[in-house]
Amino acid sequence: MLRSFCLPPDICQLPSDSGIGDAFQSRFFYNTVSKACESFLYKSSRGNANNFWDKDTCNQFCAPRGKADKVSKKYFKHKKSPNTN
């Protein structure tokens, strides 16, 4: 379950930052050039907020929304009700 909490609005615009340390962990960051979540090696300390445990979470926060996520105007057109005179 994804917990909601406050994040800076530009988190996905931050560059990949491996941080410092000796314990390498596979993580994901959002790449603004490729417009996709990509893996990188995190050194276990510091870095920045563009750092996700898995690709799905990265996509939930940062990936551009596709057509399936956009609401089509056609669903909001009012149908004329039949004349009941």
C-alpha atoms as a PDB file:
ATOM      1  CA  MET A   1       0.000   0.000   0.000  1.00  0.00           C
ATOM      2  CA  LEU A   2       1.361   3.382  -0.974  1.00  0.00           C
ATOM      3  CA  ARG A   3       1.435   5.856   1.876  1.00  0.00           C
ATOM      4  CA  SER A   4       0.812   9.461   1.022  1.00  0.00           C
ATOM      5  CA  PHE A   5       3.076  12.122   2.422  1.00  0.00           C
ATOM      6  CA  CYS A   6       4.324  15.530   1.365  1.00  0.00           C
ATOM      7  CA  LEU A   7       7.063  15.673  -1.230  1.00  0.00           C
ATOM      8  CA  PRO A   8       8.567  18.676  -2.958  1.00  0.00           C
ATOM      9  CA  PRO A   9       6.602  19.276  -6.186  1.00  0.00           C
ATOM     10  CA  ASP A  10       9.756  19.093  -8.290  1.00  0.00           C
ATOM     11  CA  ILE A  11      11.059  15.786  -6.875  1.00  0.00           C
ATOM     12  CA  CYS A  12      10.989  14.165 -10.315  1.00  0.00           C
ATOM     13  CA  GLN A  13      13.066  16.992 -11.794  1.00  0.00           C
ATOM     14  CA  LEU A  14      16.022  16.285  -9.496  1.00  0.00           C
ATOM     15  CA  PRO A  15      19.059  14.583 -11.056  1.00  0.00           C
ATOM     16  CA  SER A  16      20.091  11.060 -10.118  1.00  0.00           C
ATOM     17  CA  ASP A  17      22.212  11.221  -6.949  1.00  0.00           C
ATOM     18  CA  SER A  18      24.000   8.074  -5.740  1.00  0.00           C
ATOM     19  CA  GLY A  19      24.692   9.596  -2.325  1.00  0.00           C
ATOM     20  CA  ILE A  20      27.600   8.465  -0.173  1.00  0.00           C
ATOM     21  CA  GLY A  21      28.557   5.206   1.525  1.00  0.00           C
ATOM     22  CA  ASP A  22      29.822   1.720   0.754  1.00  0.00           C
ATOM     23  CA  ALA A  23      26.608  -0.325   0.711  1.00  0.00           C
ATOM     24  CA  PHE A  24      25.275  -0.272  -2.844  1.00  0.00           C
ATOM     25  CA  GLN A  25      21.530  -0.752  -3.325  1.00  0.00           C
ATOM     26  CA  SER A  26      19.594  -0.937  -6.571  1.00  0.00           C
ATOM     27  CA  ARG A  27      17.064   1.919  -6.730  1.00  0.00           C
ATOM     28  CA  PHE A  28      15.088   3.868  -9.350  1.00  0.00           C
ATOM     29  CA  PHE A  29      15.014   7.542 -10.316  1.00  0.00           C
ATOM     30  CA  TYR A  30      12.966   9.487 -12.855  1.00  0.00           C
ATOM     31  CA  ASN A  31      15.074  10.568 -15.848  1.00  0.00           C
ATOM     32  CA  THR A  32      13.644  13.798 -17.307  1.00  0.00           C
ATOM     33  CA  VAL A  33      15.507  13.281 -20.604  1.00  0.00           C
ATOM     34  CA  SER A  34      14.163   9.789 -21.352  1.00  0.00           C
ATOM     35  CA  LYS A  35      10.902  10.523 -19.466  1.00  0.00           C
ATOM     36  CA  ALA A  36      11.149   7.120 -17.803  1.00  0.00           C
ATOM     37  CA  CYS A  37      12.107   5.583 -14.471  1.00  0.00           C
ATOM     38  CA  GLU A  38      15.578   4.039 -14.613  1.00  0.00           C
ATOM     39  CA  SER A  39      17.703   2.023 -12.203  1.00  0.00           C
ATOM     40  CA  PHE A  40      20.820   3.346 -10.484  1.00  0.00           C
ATOM     41  CA  LEU A  41      23.073   2.276  -7.621  1.00  0.00           C
ATOM     42  CA  TYR A  42      22.400   4.115  -4.371  1.00  0.00           C
ATOM     43  CA  LYS A  43      25.250   4.158  -1.846  1.00  0.00           C
ATOM     44  CA  SER A  44      22.889   3.941   1.179  1.00  0.00           C
ATOM     45  CA  SER A  45      23.150   7.498   2.528  1.00  0.00           C
ATOM     46  CA  ARG A  46      22.115  11.019   1.550  1.00  0.00           C
ATOM     47  CA  GLY A  47      21.395  11.601  -2.132  1.00  0.00           C
ATOM     48  CA  ASN A  48      18.084  13.316  -2.926  1.00  0.00           C
ATOM     49  CA  ALA A  49      14.352  12.566  -3.010  1.00  0.00           C
ATOM     50  CA  ASN A  50      14.339  11.307  -6.626  1.00  0.00           C
ATOM     51  CA  ASN A  51      15.096   7.861  -5.219  1.00  0.00           C
ATOM     52  CA  PHE A  52      12.519   5.062  -5.214  1.00  0.00           C
ATOM     53  CA  TRP A  53      12.640   1.458  -3.955  1.00  0.00           C
ATOM     54  CA  ASP A  54      10.991   0.088  -7.079  1.00  0.00           C
ATOM     55  CA  LYS A  55      10.024   1.082 -10.611  1.00  0.00           C
ATOM     56  CA  ASP A  56       6.276   0.963  -9.926  1.00  0.00           C
ATOM     57  CA  THR A  57       6.529   3.546  -7.152  1.00  0.00           C
ATOM     58  CA  CYS A  58       8.739   5.762  -9.323  1.00  0.00           C
ATOM     59  CA  ASN A  59       6.149   5.568 -12.104  1.00  0.00           C
ATOM     60  CA  GLN A  60       3.303   6.408  -9.708  1.00  0.00           C
ATOM     61  CA  PHE A  61       5.056   9.596  -8.621  1.00  0.00           C
ATOM     62  CA  CYS A  62       6.767  10.720 -11.792  1.00  0.00           C
ATOM     63  CA  ALA A  63       5.793   9.071 -15.077  1.00  0.00           C
ATOM     64  CA  PRO A  64       3.775  11.200 -17.492  1.00  0.00           C
ATOM     65  CA  ARG A  65       0.130  10.236 -17.580  1.00  0.00           C
ATOM     66  CA  GLY A  66      -0.978   8.459 -20.733  1.00  0.00           C
ATOM     67  CA  LYS A  67      -4.214   8.809 -22.640  1.00  0.00           C
ATOM     68  CA  ALA A  68      -5.837   6.144 -20.483  1.00  0.00           C
ATOM     69  CA  ASP A  69      -5.416   8.384 -17.428  1.00  0.00           C
ATOM     70  CA  LYS A  70      -6.965  11.450 -19.049  1.00  0.00           C
ATOM     71  CA  VAL A  71     -10.670  11.938 -18.801  1.00  0.00           C
ATOM     72  CA  SER A  72     -12.313  12.352 -22.160  1.00  0.00           C
ATOM     73  CA  LYS A  73     -14.713  15.249 -22.610  1.00  0.00           C
ATOM     74  CA  LYS A  74     -17.165  12.999 -24.431  1.00  0.00           C
ATOM     75  CA  TYR A  75     -18.184  11.437 -21.113  1.00  0.00           C
ATOM     76  CA  PHE A  76     -19.306  14.824 -19.852  1.00  0.00           C
ATOM     77  CA  LYS A  77     -21.517  15.857 -22.759  1.00  0.00           C
ATOM     78  CA  HIS A  78     -25.094  16.285 -21.668  1.00  0.00           C
ATOM     79  CA  LYS A  79     -27.615  14.214 -23.522  1.00  0.00           C
ATOM     80  CA  LYS A  80     -30.809  15.979 -24.379  1.00  0.00           C
ATOM     81  CA  SER A  81     -33.696  14.451 -22.519  1.00  0.00           C
ATOM     82  CA  PRO A  82     -36.648  13.437 -24.617  1.00  0.00           C
ATOM     83  CA  ASN A  83     -39.407  16.000 -24.808  1.00  0.00           C
ATOM     84  CA  THR A  84     -42.089  14.929 -22.350  1.00  0.00           C
ATOM     85  CA  ASN A  85     -44.811  17.364 -23.478  1.00  0.00           C
END
